[in-house]
């Protein structure tokens, strides 16, 4: 799988993507990416990429001509713009995106990008939550990380996917490891019992309990 990232700060990406699961999978060539600096397509001596919005208002808007040229420099493929007004990113959506061989991700800045770019290139807008970031780079990293870990060969145990939060519309059950007692708190006896049927039942009950308490909306979907 390949990601094409359009950003004003390409130097952000190697530091994160070169480590842990994503980094190991990158070394194995399970996935690849390019991070293209939008400023190289900027206008004039100062490589300007933005301008004031028509109709007035605060902030600046990324220009359609600049961003359009940047998009045209890349292979035509599925294009996503990280935007707070986009559809919410869910595990189901992530699973759908793993089936696409190449994705371009646009990281906005300022007040956003010219709407005509979204319309012309039929770009899908995706949001990572109901909050505002300074730019699309952290959101793009979240999206990429979520996709990469689902690619075949990235996780050692494929069963991990089936037990994580949002699988089967449930949040994940609690986890414990050694020591068996810490600060007066003990590991639940059932997890030390060796009775796999009881452990499975306990985990399902806890997952349901946590979901009801924290994300009851998941149980309605």
Protein backbone atom coordinates (compact mmCIF):
# COMPACT_ATOMS: atom_id res chain seq x y z
CA UNK A 1 0.00 0.00 0.00
CA UNK A 2 1.17 3.53 -0.75
CA UNK A 3 0.36 6.89 0.84
CA UNK A 4 1.01 10.22 -0.87
CA UNK A 5 1.00 13.03 1.70
CA UNK A 6 0.58 16.67 0.71
CA UNK A 7 1.73 18.90 3.55
CA UNK A 8 3.51 22.13 4.42
CA UNK A 9 5.65 20.20 6.92
CA UNK A 10 6.96 16.96 5.35
CA UNK A 11 9.65 16.68 8.03
CA UNK A 12 6.98 15.74 10.59
CA UNK A 13 6.31 12.31 9.11
CA UNK A 14 9.59 10.32 9.19
CA UNK A 15 9.99 10.75 12.95
CA UNK A 16 6.74 8.94 13.71
CA UNK A 17 6.37 6.59 10.76
CA UNK A 18 9.88 5.21 11.10
CA UNK A 19 9.24 3.60 14.48
CA UNK A 20 7.26 0.80 16.13
CA UNK A 21 4.81 -1.27 14.06
CA UNK A 22 4.62 1.24 11.21
CA UNK A 23 8.40 1.52 11.02
CA UNK A 24 8.95 -2.23 11.00
CA UNK A 25 6.31 -2.68 8.30
CA UNK A 26 7.94 0.12 6.29
CA UNK A 27 11.27 -1.73 6.41
CA UNK A 28 9.51 -4.89 5.21
CA UNK A 29 7.99 -2.89 2.34
CA UNK A 30 4.47 -3.78 3.40
CA UNK A 31 3.65 -0.14 2.77
CA UNK A 32 5.38 3.00 1.49
CA UNK A 33 4.85 6.74 1.44
CA UNK A 34 5.97 10.05 0.01
CA UNK A 35 5.61 13.38 1.79
CA UNK A 36 5.44 16.26 -0.69
CA UNK A 37 5.95 19.86 0.40
CA UNK A 38 3.09 21.96 -0.99
CA UNK A 39 5.33 25.04 -0.79
CA UNK A 40 7.34 23.83 -3.77
CA UNK A 41 4.26 24.63 -5.86
CA UNK A 42 3.80 28.04 -4.21
CA UNK A 43 3.70 31.32 -6.07
CA UNK A 44 6.28 34.07 -6.30
CA UNK A 45 9.54 34.63 -4.52
CA UNK A 46 8.13 33.54 -1.17
CA UNK A 47 6.29 30.46 -2.49
CA UNK A 48 2.92 31.67 -1.24
CA UNK A 49 0.31 28.94 -0.89
CA UNK A 50 -2.59 30.85 0.67
CA UNK A 51 -4.64 34.02 0.31
CA UNK A 52 -7.43 35.94 2.05
CA UNK A 53 -10.94 34.45 1.82
CA UNK A 54 -13.55 35.87 -0.54
CA UNK A 55 -16.37 37.41 1.47
CA UNK A 56 -14.04 38.36 4.29
CA UNK A 57 -13.40 36.62 7.56
CA UNK A 58 -10.50 35.58 9.72
CA UNK A 59 -7.53 33.54 8.59
CA UNK A 60 -6.19 32.47 5.23
CA UNK A 61 -7.29 29.83 2.71
CA UNK A 62 -5.02 27.51 0.75
CA UNK A 63 -5.19 28.46 -2.93
CA UNK A 64 -6.88 26.18 -5.47
CA UNK A 65 -4.24 26.75 -8.16
CA UNK A 66 -1.37 25.87 -5.83
CA UNK A 67 -3.00 22.82 -4.29
CA UNK A 68 -4.35 21.69 -7.65
CA UNK A 69 -0.85 21.70 -9.12
CA UNK A 70 0.40 19.71 -6.14
CA UNK A 71 -2.34 17.10 -6.60
CA UNK A 72 -1.64 16.87 -10.33
CA UNK A 73 2.01 16.07 -9.58
CA UNK A 74 0.93 12.79 -7.99
CA UNK A 75 -0.66 9.66 -9.47
CA UNK A 76 -4.45 9.81 -9.69
CA UNK A 77 -5.89 7.81 -6.82
CA UNK A 78 -8.28 7.99 -3.87
CA UNK A 79 -7.79 11.41 -2.24
CA UNK A 80 -8.67 12.33 1.34
CA UNK A 81 -8.66 15.73 3.01
CA UNK A 82 -8.33 15.69 6.81
CA UNK A 83 -11.06 18.09 7.91
CA UNK A 84 -13.11 18.69 11.09
CA UNK A 85 -16.25 18.80 8.95
CA UNK A 86 -15.54 15.41 7.39
CA UNK A 87 -17.20 12.09 8.11
CA UNK A 88 -16.03 10.59 11.43
CA UNK A 89 -13.17 8.14 11.16
CA UNK A 90 -14.33 4.76 12.46
CA UNK A 91 -12.79 1.32 12.56
CA UNK A 92 -15.20 0.26 9.82
CA UNK A 93 -13.99 3.11 7.62
CA UNK A 94 -10.37 2.19 8.33
CA UNK A 95 -11.05 -1.39 7.28
CA UNK A 96 -12.55 -0.15 4.01
CA UNK A 97 -9.50 2.00 3.29
CA UNK A 98 -7.10 -0.93 3.74
CA UNK A 99 -8.49 -2.35 0.50
CA UNK A 100 -7.35 0.70 -1.52
CA UNK A 101 -3.81 0.28 -2.93
CA UNK A 102 -2.90 3.98 -3.06
CA UNK A 103 -4.24 6.99 -1.15
CA UNK A 104 -3.35 10.68 -1.28
CA UNK A 105 -3.86 12.57 1.99
CA UNK A 106 -4.09 16.37 2.05
CA UNK A 107 -3.06 18.10 5.27
CA UNK A 108 -4.68 21.50 5.48
CA UNK A 109 -3.54 24.56 7.41
CA UNK A 110 -4.94 28.02 8.09
CA UNK A 111 -8.74 28.18 7.66
CA UNK A 112 -8.75 25.26 5.22
CA UNK A 113 -8.51 24.77 1.47
CA UNK A 114 -10.42 26.29 -1.43
CA UNK A 115 -13.72 24.41 -1.81
CA UNK A 116 -13.24 24.12 -5.56
CA UNK A 117 -10.36 21.70 -5.05
CA UNK A 118 -12.63 19.38 -3.08
CA UNK A 119 -15.32 19.57 -5.75
CA UNK A 120 -13.03 19.22 -8.76
CA UNK A 121 -11.08 16.21 -7.51
CA UNK A 122 -14.05 14.62 -5.69
CA UNK A 123 -12.07 14.52 -2.47
CA UNK A 124 -13.43 12.71 0.56
CA UNK A 125 -13.25 14.64 3.83
CA UNK A 126 -12.51 12.68 7.01
CA UNK A 127 -12.48 13.91 10.61
CA UNK A 128 -10.64 12.31 13.52
CA UNK A 129 -12.87 13.95 16.12
CA UNK A 130 -14.98 16.89 17.19
CA UNK A 131 -12.09 19.22 17.93
CA UNK A 132 -9.77 21.54 16.02
CA UNK A 133 -6.08 20.95 15.30
CA UNK A 134 -3.52 23.46 14.05
CA UNK A 135 -3.13 21.40 10.89
CA UNK A 136 -3.97 18.11 9.25
CA UNK A 137 -0.66 16.39 9.95
CA UNK A 138 -1.57 14.79 13.32
CA UNK A 139 -4.88 13.65 11.84
CA UNK A 140 -3.13 12.18 8.80
CA UNK A 141 -0.74 10.26 11.05
CA UNK A 142 -3.70 8.88 13.01
CA UNK A 143 -5.39 7.75 9.81
CA UNK A 144 -2.23 6.17 8.42
CA UNK A 145 -1.38 4.38 11.66
CA UNK A 146 -4.90 2.95 11.90
CA UNK A 147 -4.70 1.64 8.32
CA UNK A 148 -1.13 0.33 8.48
CA UNK A 149 -1.70 -1.84 11.56
CA UNK A 150 -4.52 -3.66 9.74
CA UNK A 151 -2.40 -4.54 6.71
CA UNK A 152 -1.48 -8.24 6.42
CA UNK A 153 1.84 -9.02 8.04
CA UNK A 154 2.02 -5.95 10.29
CA UNK A 155 0.67 -7.44 13.54
CA UNK A 156 2.16 -10.72 14.68
CA UNK A 157 -1.18 -12.10 15.86
CA UNK A 158 -4.06 -11.52 13.44
CA UNK A 159 -6.54 -12.36 16.22
CA UNK A 160 -5.61 -9.06 17.88
CA UNK A 161 -7.88 -7.24 15.42
CA UNK A 162 -10.90 -9.21 16.59
CA UNK A 163 -10.46 -8.31 20.26
CA UNK A 164 -9.72 -4.59 20.02
CA UNK A 165 -12.05 -1.71 20.77
CA UNK A 166 -14.77 -1.14 18.15
CA UNK A 167 -14.64 -4.74 16.96
CA UNK A 168 -18.22 -6.03 17.14
CA UNK A 169 -19.27 -2.53 18.31
CA UNK A 170 -17.69 -3.02 21.74
CA UNK A 171 -14.88 -1.25 23.57
CA UNK A 172 -12.03 -3.48 24.64
CA UNK A 173 -11.97 -5.33 27.96
CA UNK A 174 -9.35 -4.45 30.66
CA UNK A 175 -5.83 -5.88 30.51
CA UNK A 176 -3.54 -7.00 33.34
CA UNK A 177 0.02 -8.33 33.58
CA UNK A 178 2.63 -8.97 36.29
CA UNK A 179 2.96 -8.31 39.17
CA UNK A 180 -0.21 -10.03 40.47
CA UNK A 181 -0.57 -7.37 43.20
CA UNK A 182 0.35 -3.70 42.91
CA UNK A 183 -0.43 -0.90 45.39
CA UNK A 184 -3.08 -3.07 47.01
CA UNK A 185 -4.78 -3.80 43.68
CA UNK A 186 -4.93 -7.41 42.51
CA UNK A 187 -5.42 -9.07 39.15
CA UNK A 188 -8.94 -10.59 38.94
CA UNK A 189 -8.81 -14.23 40.02
CA UNK A 190 -10.60 -15.45 36.90
CA UNK A 191 -7.69 -14.31 34.72
CA UNK A 192 -5.30 -16.47 36.77
CA UNK A 193 -7.60 -19.49 36.83
CA UNK A 194 -6.59 -21.04 33.51
CA UNK A 195 -10.28 -21.60 32.71
CA UNK A 196 -10.44 -20.24 29.18
CA UNK A 197 -14.23 -20.39 28.92
CA UNK A 198 -14.62 -18.36 32.12
CA UNK A 199 -11.95 -15.91 31.01
CA UNK A 200 -13.72 -15.41 27.68
CA UNK A 201 -17.04 -14.85 29.46
CA UNK A 202 -15.45 -12.34 31.88
CA UNK A 203 -13.87 -10.41 29.02
CA UNK A 204 -17.13 -10.20 27.07
CA UNK A 205 -19.01 -9.05 30.18
CA UNK A 206 -16.40 -6.38 30.92
CA UNK A 207 -16.35 -5.17 27.32
CA UNK A 208 -20.14 -4.80 27.39
CA UNK A 209 -20.05 -3.06 30.79
CA UNK A 210 -17.43 -0.53 29.65
CA UNK A 211 -19.23 0.12 26.37
CA UNK A 212 -22.56 0.73 28.13
CA UNK A 213 -20.86 3.18 30.48
CA UNK A 214 -18.65 5.09 28.05
CA UNK A 215 -20.03 4.63 24.52
CA UNK A 216 -23.66 3.49 24.63
CA UNK A 217 -24.05 4.81 21.08
CA UNK A 218 -22.00 1.87 19.80
CA UNK A 219 -24.60 -0.58 21.06
CA UNK A 220 -27.31 1.15 19.03
CA UNK A 221 -25.47 0.80 15.72
